[in-house]
């Protein structure tokens, strides 16, 4: 993201104080996220993760990346709850594409402050923000339908499941985190004749975005990525373009398939192993069944191994329509953790 000075507050007309959770009921002072909160915000997430042990959690660099988004949306739609000492004890945020048919909610509550109704208050705020976003997007001419909020949790976090169920949410999808030990012999899957492999580079970003939108148009929950959201994805702090690959149709030069990889060194310290992670893998419909996904995964494993990774990892929708689960198990991946997506129509 371009360098910029992060604003310390969000104008009142953009996020009115009456939209905040009740300080008297929660015992916390609520503010929109800003650069002034980064240290205590990151500490809150790390403190919670130390107790709940999620497979991944946001680090300081991720939070900076959120606040450095090219619009003010992330700051408007992220809320921090502070105690009397100014320590962050809870946070919530939502994201939504302008033309999307749903919003996604994220957040956490300090383990020492749980069971006080704070999580309920944060979700109520997320729901209110979701309604406002849908109303605004409809006014701008986007057909978004009835407001929906989705929240993802890990299967191990039963306390989160109980809370969501009590608030009227239901599970709509399951996902598998899968690992492939790189100590095992690596698959040898060459790029088929008529295709060319390229390491991801900025000149390919836009054509990969368009290929992604086509490849994922039949995937549950997927929405087209606009240029701004794709810019955010391409410049994630953990992105590894040197481990990411693109396969081109040699005859036309068009993107046929792609694999986007990342590496989180902080997660390696937390989990005790280093993983090369496949963030996105897509093959355009006209090029499916030609072994392109297998070739991309094999090349990614080779690059992961050369970089000293212990495992190759990814997440997959358990009901993926392209048969991705069978693809990954065939390449040596095995499920190690499950998560679910919860949804509520507002």
Protein backbone atom coordinates (compact mmCIF):
# COMPACT_ATOMS: atom_id res chain seq x y z
CA UNK A 1 0.00 0.00 0.00
CA UNK A 2 1.20 3.57 -0.58
CA UNK A 3 2.73 5.28 2.40
CA UNK A 4 0.28 7.57 4.17
CA UNK A 5 -0.33 9.15 7.54
CA UNK A 6 -3.11 7.27 9.28
CA UNK A 7 -5.85 9.44 10.75
CA UNK A 8 -6.27 9.18 14.49
CA UNK A 9 -10.06 9.42 14.41
CA UNK A 10 -12.97 8.96 12.03
CA UNK A 11 -15.25 11.97 11.55
CA UNK A 12 -18.38 11.81 13.70
CA UNK A 13 -20.69 12.06 10.71
CA UNK A 14 -19.24 8.80 9.40
CA UNK A 15 -19.65 6.77 12.58
CA UNK A 16 -21.93 8.41 15.11
CA UNK A 17 -21.41 7.73 18.79
CA UNK A 18 -24.95 6.41 19.11
CA UNK A 19 -23.91 3.50 16.89
CA UNK A 20 -21.46 2.25 19.54
CA UNK A 21 -22.23 -0.49 22.10
CA UNK A 22 -23.47 0.86 25.44
CA UNK A 23 -20.50 1.76 27.71
CA UNK A 24 -22.63 1.33 30.84
CA UNK A 25 -23.65 -2.19 29.83
CA UNK A 26 -20.22 -3.31 28.60
CA UNK A 27 -17.90 -1.41 30.93
CA UNK A 28 -15.87 -0.27 27.94
CA UNK A 29 -15.32 2.94 26.01
CA UNK A 30 -15.84 2.37 22.28
CA UNK A 31 -13.97 4.09 19.48
CA UNK A 32 -13.41 3.53 15.76
CA UNK A 33 -10.03 1.97 15.04
CA UNK A 34 -7.08 4.27 14.38
CA UNK A 35 -3.30 4.18 14.31
CA UNK A 36 -3.34 5.21 17.97
CA UNK A 37 -4.86 1.82 18.84
CA UNK A 38 -2.45 -0.41 16.94
CA UNK A 39 -0.31 -1.51 19.89
CA UNK A 40 -3.15 -2.29 22.29
CA UNK A 41 -5.28 -3.76 19.48
CA UNK A 42 -2.54 -6.20 18.46
CA UNK A 43 -1.89 -7.07 22.11
CA UNK A 44 -5.58 -7.89 22.60
CA UNK A 45 -5.60 -10.28 19.64
CA UNK A 46 -2.35 -11.95 20.76
CA UNK A 47 -3.64 -12.30 24.35
CA UNK A 48 -6.83 -13.94 23.12
CA UNK A 49 -4.93 -16.23 20.74
CA UNK A 50 -2.66 -17.39 23.58
CA UNK A 51 -5.75 -18.81 25.31
CA UNK A 52 -7.87 -19.91 22.35
CA UNK A 53 -5.08 -21.17 20.03
CA UNK A 54 -6.58 -20.37 16.62
CA UNK A 55 -4.77 -21.68 13.56
CA UNK A 56 -4.07 -18.08 12.53
CA UNK A 57 -4.64 -14.61 13.94
CA UNK A 58 -3.98 -11.04 12.86
CA UNK A 59 -0.55 -9.59 13.65
CA UNK A 60 0.50 -5.91 13.87
CA UNK A 61 1.42 -5.83 10.18
CA UNK A 62 -2.04 -7.08 9.24
CA UNK A 63 -3.69 -4.37 11.32
CA UNK A 64 -1.53 -1.67 9.73
CA UNK A 65 -2.50 -3.07 6.35
CA UNK A 66 -6.19 -2.81 7.28
CA UNK A 67 -5.83 0.82 8.31
CA UNK A 68 -3.76 1.66 5.24
CA UNK A 69 -6.54 0.58 2.89
CA UNK A 70 -7.12 3.09 0.14
CA UNK A 71 -10.57 4.03 1.46
CA UNK A 72 -11.79 4.91 4.92
CA UNK A 73 -14.04 1.84 5.03
CA UNK A 74 -11.79 -0.25 7.27
CA UNK A 75 -11.57 2.51 9.86
CA UNK A 76 -15.30 3.24 9.77
CA UNK A 77 -16.19 -0.41 10.17
CA UNK A 78 -13.70 -1.39 12.89
CA UNK A 79 -14.50 -0.81 16.54
CA UNK A 80 -12.23 -0.99 19.62
CA UNK A 81 -13.48 -1.38 23.21
CA UNK A 82 -11.13 0.16 25.82
CA UNK A 83 -11.15 -0.21 29.60
CA UNK A 84 -10.54 2.68 32.03
CA UNK A 85 -6.77 2.26 31.59
CA UNK A 86 -7.01 2.51 27.81
CA UNK A 87 -6.35 -1.22 27.29
CA UNK A 88 -8.22 -2.81 24.40
CA UNK A 89 -10.53 -5.56 25.68
CA UNK A 90 -12.66 -6.21 22.59
CA UNK A 91 -12.86 -5.37 18.93
CA UNK A 92 -15.11 -6.03 15.97
CA UNK A 93 -15.10 -5.19 12.30
CA UNK A 94 -16.99 -5.92 9.12
CA UNK A 95 -16.00 -5.94 5.47
CA UNK A 96 -18.24 -5.80 2.42
CA UNK A 97 -17.75 -5.38 -1.30
CA UNK A 98 -20.02 -2.61 -2.65
CA UNK A 99 -21.77 -5.01 -5.03
CA UNK A 100 -21.62 -7.99 -2.69
CA UNK A 101 -24.62 -9.80 -1.24
CA UNK A 102 -23.15 -10.26 2.24
CA UNK A 103 -20.83 -8.77 4.84
CA UNK A 104 -18.19 -10.64 6.82
CA UNK A 105 -17.66 -10.08 10.54
CA UNK A 106 -14.50 -10.55 12.60
CA UNK A 107 -13.51 -9.76 16.17
CA UNK A 108 -12.58 -11.04 19.61
CA UNK A 109 -13.08 -10.42 23.33
CA UNK A 110 -10.29 -10.58 25.90
CA UNK A 111 -10.62 -13.96 27.70
CA UNK A 112 -10.73 -12.17 31.07
CA UNK A 113 -13.67 -10.07 29.86
CA UNK A 114 -15.75 -12.82 28.32
CA UNK A 115 -19.17 -13.88 29.64
CA UNK A 116 -20.15 -10.26 30.30
CA UNK A 117 -22.30 -9.72 27.22
CA UNK A 118 -19.53 -7.92 25.32
CA UNK A 119 -19.45 -10.41 22.45
CA UNK A 120 -23.20 -10.03 22.06
CA UNK A 121 -22.80 -6.24 21.98
CA UNK A 122 -20.06 -6.43 19.35
CA UNK A 123 -22.15 -8.65 17.10
CA UNK A 124 -25.15 -6.33 17.49
CA UNK A 125 -22.91 -3.46 16.36
CA UNK A 126 -21.67 -5.54 13.40
CA UNK A 127 -25.26 -6.26 12.41
CA UNK A 128 -26.15 -2.56 12.59
CA UNK A 129 -23.13 -1.65 10.48
CA UNK A 130 -24.06 -4.34 7.97
CA UNK A 131 -27.55 -2.90 7.58
CA UNK A 132 -26.10 0.58 7.04
CA UNK A 133 -23.68 -0.70 4.39
CA UNK A 134 -26.47 -2.49 2.52
CA UNK A 135 -28.68 0.61 2.67
CA UNK A 136 -25.86 2.79 1.36
CA UNK A 137 -24.93 0.37 -1.41
CA UNK A 138 -28.56 0.11 -2.51
CA UNK A 139 -28.80 3.90 -2.60
CA UNK A 140 -25.73 3.91 -4.86
CA UNK A 141 -27.51 1.63 -7.31
CA UNK A 142 -26.01 -1.72 -6.30
CA UNK A 143 -28.45 -4.63 -6.11
CA UNK A 144 -27.45 -6.25 -2.84
CA UNK A 145 -30.71 -7.86 -1.67
CA UNK A 146 -31.49 -8.55 1.96
CA UNK A 147 -28.64 -7.85 4.44
CA UNK A 148 -26.65 -10.92 5.50
CA UNK A 149 -23.76 -11.20 7.93
CA UNK A 150 -21.32 -14.12 7.92
CA UNK A 151 -18.87 -14.99 10.69
CA UNK A 152 -16.28 -17.76 10.51
CA UNK A 153 -15.15 -19.78 13.55
CA UNK A 154 -13.00 -22.83 14.16
CA UNK A 155 -14.63 -26.08 15.25
CA UNK A 156 -12.62 -26.10 18.48
CA UNK A 157 -14.13 -22.81 19.67
CA UNK A 158 -17.41 -24.12 21.03
CA UNK A 159 -18.03 -20.96 23.11
CA UNK A 160 -18.22 -18.94 19.90
CA UNK A 161 -20.61 -21.47 18.38
CA UNK A 162 -22.91 -21.25 21.41
CA UNK A 163 -22.98 -17.47 21.21
CA UNK A 164 -23.75 -17.40 17.50
CA UNK A 165 -26.47 -20.01 17.83
CA UNK A 166 -28.09 -18.02 20.63
CA UNK A 167 -28.17 -14.95 18.36
CA UNK A 168 -29.90 -16.74 15.50
CA UNK A 169 -26.92 -17.72 13.33
CA UNK A 170 -26.71 -21.07 11.57
CA UNK A 171 -23.83 -22.92 9.94
CA UNK A 172 -23.92 -22.77 6.15
CA UNK A 173 -20.52 -24.20 5.18
CA UNK A 174 -17.58 -26.20 6.52
CA UNK A 175 -13.92 -25.79 5.56
CA UNK A 176 -10.87 -28.00 6.02
CA UNK A 177 -7.37 -26.77 6.80
CA UNK A 178 -5.04 -29.20 5.04
CA UNK A 179 -1.31 -29.87 5.40
CA UNK A 180 1.16 -31.69 3.20
CA UNK A 181 4.52 -32.56 4.85
CA UNK A 182 7.35 -31.43 2.64
CA UNK A 183 9.65 -34.10 4.10
CA UNK A 184 7.76 -36.61 1.94
CA UNK A 185 8.86 -37.08 -1.68
CA UNK A 186 7.56 -34.19 -3.77
CA UNK A 187 5.28 -34.81 -6.76
CA UNK A 188 6.76 -34.33 -10.21
CA UNK A 189 4.04 -32.69 -12.29
CA UNK A 190 5.39 -30.72 -15.26
CA UNK A 191 3.45 -27.94 -16.94
CA UNK A 192 1.60 -29.54 -19.89
CA UNK A 193 2.66 -28.75 -23.47
CA UNK A 194 1.08 -25.60 -24.83
CA UNK A 195 1.36 -23.77 -21.51
CA UNK A 196 4.02 -21.60 -19.90
CA UNK A 197 4.78 -21.08 -16.18
CA UNK A 198 5.57 -17.59 -14.87
CA UNK A 199 6.42 -16.39 -11.39
CA UNK A 200 3.85 -13.83 -10.28
CA UNK A 201 4.92 -10.25 -11.00
CA UNK A 202 3.14 -6.87 -10.94
CA UNK A 203 2.60 -6.91 -14.70
CA UNK A 204 0.37 -9.97 -14.21
CA UNK A 205 -1.70 -8.69 -11.28
CA UNK A 206 -4.65 -7.41 -13.32
CA UNK A 207 -4.89 -10.39 -15.65
CA UNK A 208 -4.75 -12.74 -12.65
CA UNK A 209 -7.55 -10.75 -11.00
CA UNK A 210 -9.76 -11.23 -14.04
CA UNK A 211 -8.86 -14.93 -14.20
CA UNK A 212 -9.69 -15.28 -10.50
CA UNK A 213 -13.12 -13.71 -10.96
CA UNK A 214 -13.88 -16.15 -13.76
CA UNK A 215 -12.44 -19.19 -11.98
CA UNK A 216 -14.38 -18.54 -8.77
CA UNK A 217 -17.72 -17.49 -10.24
CA UNK A 218 -19.14 -20.96 -9.49
CA UNK A 219 -17.69 -21.15 -5.95
CA UNK A 220 -19.95 -20.76 -2.94
CA UNK A 221 -19.55 -17.44 -1.14
CA UNK A 222 -17.16 -15.99 -3.71
CA UNK A 223 -17.61 -12.46 -5.03
CA UNK A 224 -15.81 -10.72 -7.90
CA UNK A 225 -12.75 -8.81 -6.72
CA UNK A 226 -12.60 -5.20 -7.83
CA UNK A 227 -9.26 -3.49 -8.43
CA UNK A 228 -9.15 -1.98 -4.95
CA UNK A 229 -9.79 -5.22 -3.06
CA UNK A 230 -7.33 -7.04 -5.34
CA UNK A 231 -4.69 -4.39 -4.62
CA UNK A 232 -5.26 -5.11 -0.93
CA UNK A 233 -4.77 -8.85 -1.58
CA UNK A 234 -1.65 -8.40 -3.67
CA UNK A 235 0.00 -6.24 -1.01
CA UNK A 236 -0.81 -8.33 2.06
CA UNK A 237 2.25 -8.26 4.38
CA UNK A 238 2.59 -12.04 4.25
CA UNK A 239 2.27 -12.36 0.45
CA UNK A 240 5.11 -14.20 -1.29
CA UNK A 241 5.01 -13.41 -4.98
CA UNK A 242 8.22 -15.37 -5.50
CA UNK A 243 6.39 -18.53 -4.36
CA UNK A 244 3.30 -17.72 -6.44
CA UNK A 245 2.86 -18.91 -9.98
CA UNK A 246 0.81 -18.22 -13.10
CA UNK A 247 0.28 -20.58 -16.02
CA UNK A 248 -0.28 -18.88 -19.38
CA UNK A 249 -1.79 -20.30 -22.54
CA UNK A 250 1.26 -20.22 -24.82
CA UNK A 251 -0.87 -19.58 -27.91
CA UNK A 252 -2.80 -16.57 -26.58
CA UNK A 253 -0.81 -15.35 -23.58
CA UNK A 254 -3.97 -15.49 -21.45
CA UNK A 255 -3.88 -16.55 -17.81
CA UNK A 256 -5.15 -20.14 -17.58
CA UNK A 257 -4.44 -20.79 -13.88
CA UNK A 258 -2.68 -19.26 -10.88
CA UNK A 259 -1.51 -20.02 -7.34
CA UNK A 260 -0.99 -17.25 -4.75
CA UNK A 261 1.22 -18.09 -1.79
CA UNK A 262 2.06 -16.52 1.56
CA UNK A 263 4.26 -17.03 4.60
CA UNK A 264 3.68 -15.77 8.14
CA UNK A 265 6.89 -15.97 10.22
CA UNK A 266 5.00 -15.09 13.40
CA UNK A 267 2.61 -17.99 12.85
CA UNK A 268 5.63 -20.25 12.46
CA UNK A 269 6.77 -19.27 15.95
CA UNK A 270 3.29 -19.81 17.38
CA UNK A 271 2.63 -23.16 15.71
CA UNK A 272 6.12 -24.63 15.87
CA UNK A 273 6.51 -25.27 12.14
CA UNK A 274 6.98 -23.24 8.97
CA UNK A 275 4.27 -23.45 6.35
CA UNK A 276 4.07 -22.25 2.81
CA UNK A 277 0.41 -21.36 2.47
CA UNK A 278 -1.64 -21.36 -0.73
CA UNK A 279 -4.01 -18.43 -0.35
CA UNK A 280 -5.77 -18.88 -3.69
CA UNK A 281 -5.63 -21.51 -6.42
CA UNK A 282 -7.79 -21.13 -9.50
CA UNK A 283 -8.15 -22.61 -12.96
CA UNK A 284 -10.38 -20.97 -15.55
CA UNK A 285 -13.24 -23.20 -16.65
CA UNK A 286 -11.97 -23.71 -20.22
CA UNK A 287 -8.64 -25.02 -18.91
CA UNK A 288 -9.85 -27.44 -16.23
CA UNK A 289 -8.99 -31.12 -16.42
CA UNK A 290 -5.55 -30.51 -17.95
CA UNK A 291 -3.45 -30.92 -14.77
CA UNK A 292 -2.71 -27.22 -14.35
CA UNK A 293 -3.67 -27.11 -10.67
CA UNK A 294 -1.46 -30.11 -9.93
CA UNK A 295 1.46 -28.48 -11.78
CA UNK A 296 1.04 -25.25 -9.80
CA UNK A 297 0.88 -27.09 -6.47
CA UNK A 298 3.93 -29.20 -7.32
CA UNK A 299 5.91 -26.07 -8.25
CA UNK A 300 4.74 -24.34 -5.07
CA UNK A 301 5.88 -27.30 -2.96
CA UNK A 302 9.29 -27.17 -4.65
CA UNK A 303 9.64 -23.47 -3.86
CA UNK A 304 8.39 -23.97 -0.30
CA UNK A 305 10.95 -26.73 0.24
CA UNK A 306 13.81 -24.65 -1.15
CA UNK A 307 12.82 -21.86 1.26
CA UNK A 308 12.99 -24.22 4.26
CA UNK A 309 9.28 -24.72 4.89
CA UNK A 310 8.09 -27.79 6.79
CA UNK A 311 4.62 -28.14 5.29
CA UNK A 312 2.50 -26.91 2.42
CA UNK A 313 -0.92 -25.82 3.63
CA UNK A 314 -4.24 -24.45 2.41
CA UNK A 315 -7.94 -24.26 3.23
CA UNK A 316 -10.66 -25.83 1.12
CA UNK A 317 -14.44 -25.68 1.08
CA UNK A 318 -15.64 -29.19 1.96
CA UNK A 319 -18.33 -28.93 -0.76
CA UNK A 320 -16.20 -27.24 -3.44
CA UNK A 321 -17.90 -27.81 -6.82
CA UNK A 322 -14.62 -28.37 -8.69
CA UNK A 323 -13.62 -31.40 -6.61
CA UNK A 324 -10.76 -29.57 -4.93
CA UNK A 325 -10.79 -31.82 -1.85
CA UNK A 326 -10.01 -34.87 -4.00
CA UNK A 327 -7.36 -32.87 -5.86
CA UNK A 328 -5.55 -31.97 -2.64
CA UNK A 329 -5.73 -35.41 -1.07
CA UNK A 330 -4.33 -36.78 -4.32
CA UNK A 331 -1.37 -34.43 -3.92
CA UNK A 332 -0.71 -35.69 -0.38
CA UNK A 333 -2.61 -33.10 1.67
CA UNK A 334 -4.59 -34.25 4.71
CA UNK A 335 -7.15 -32.40 6.91
CA UNK A 336 -5.81 -31.14 10.24
CA UNK A 337 -8.46 -28.65 11.38
CA UNK A 338 -12.03 -27.66 10.53
CA UNK A 339 -13.83 -24.34 10.55
CA UNK A 340 -17.36 -23.29 9.76
CA UNK A 341 -19.13 -20.27 8.34
CA UNK A 342 -22.16 -18.94 10.20
CA UNK A 343 -24.79 -16.77 8.57
CA UNK A 344 -27.76 -14.69 9.63
CA UNK A 345 -30.19 -12.77 7.44
CA UNK A 346 -30.90 -9.43 9.10
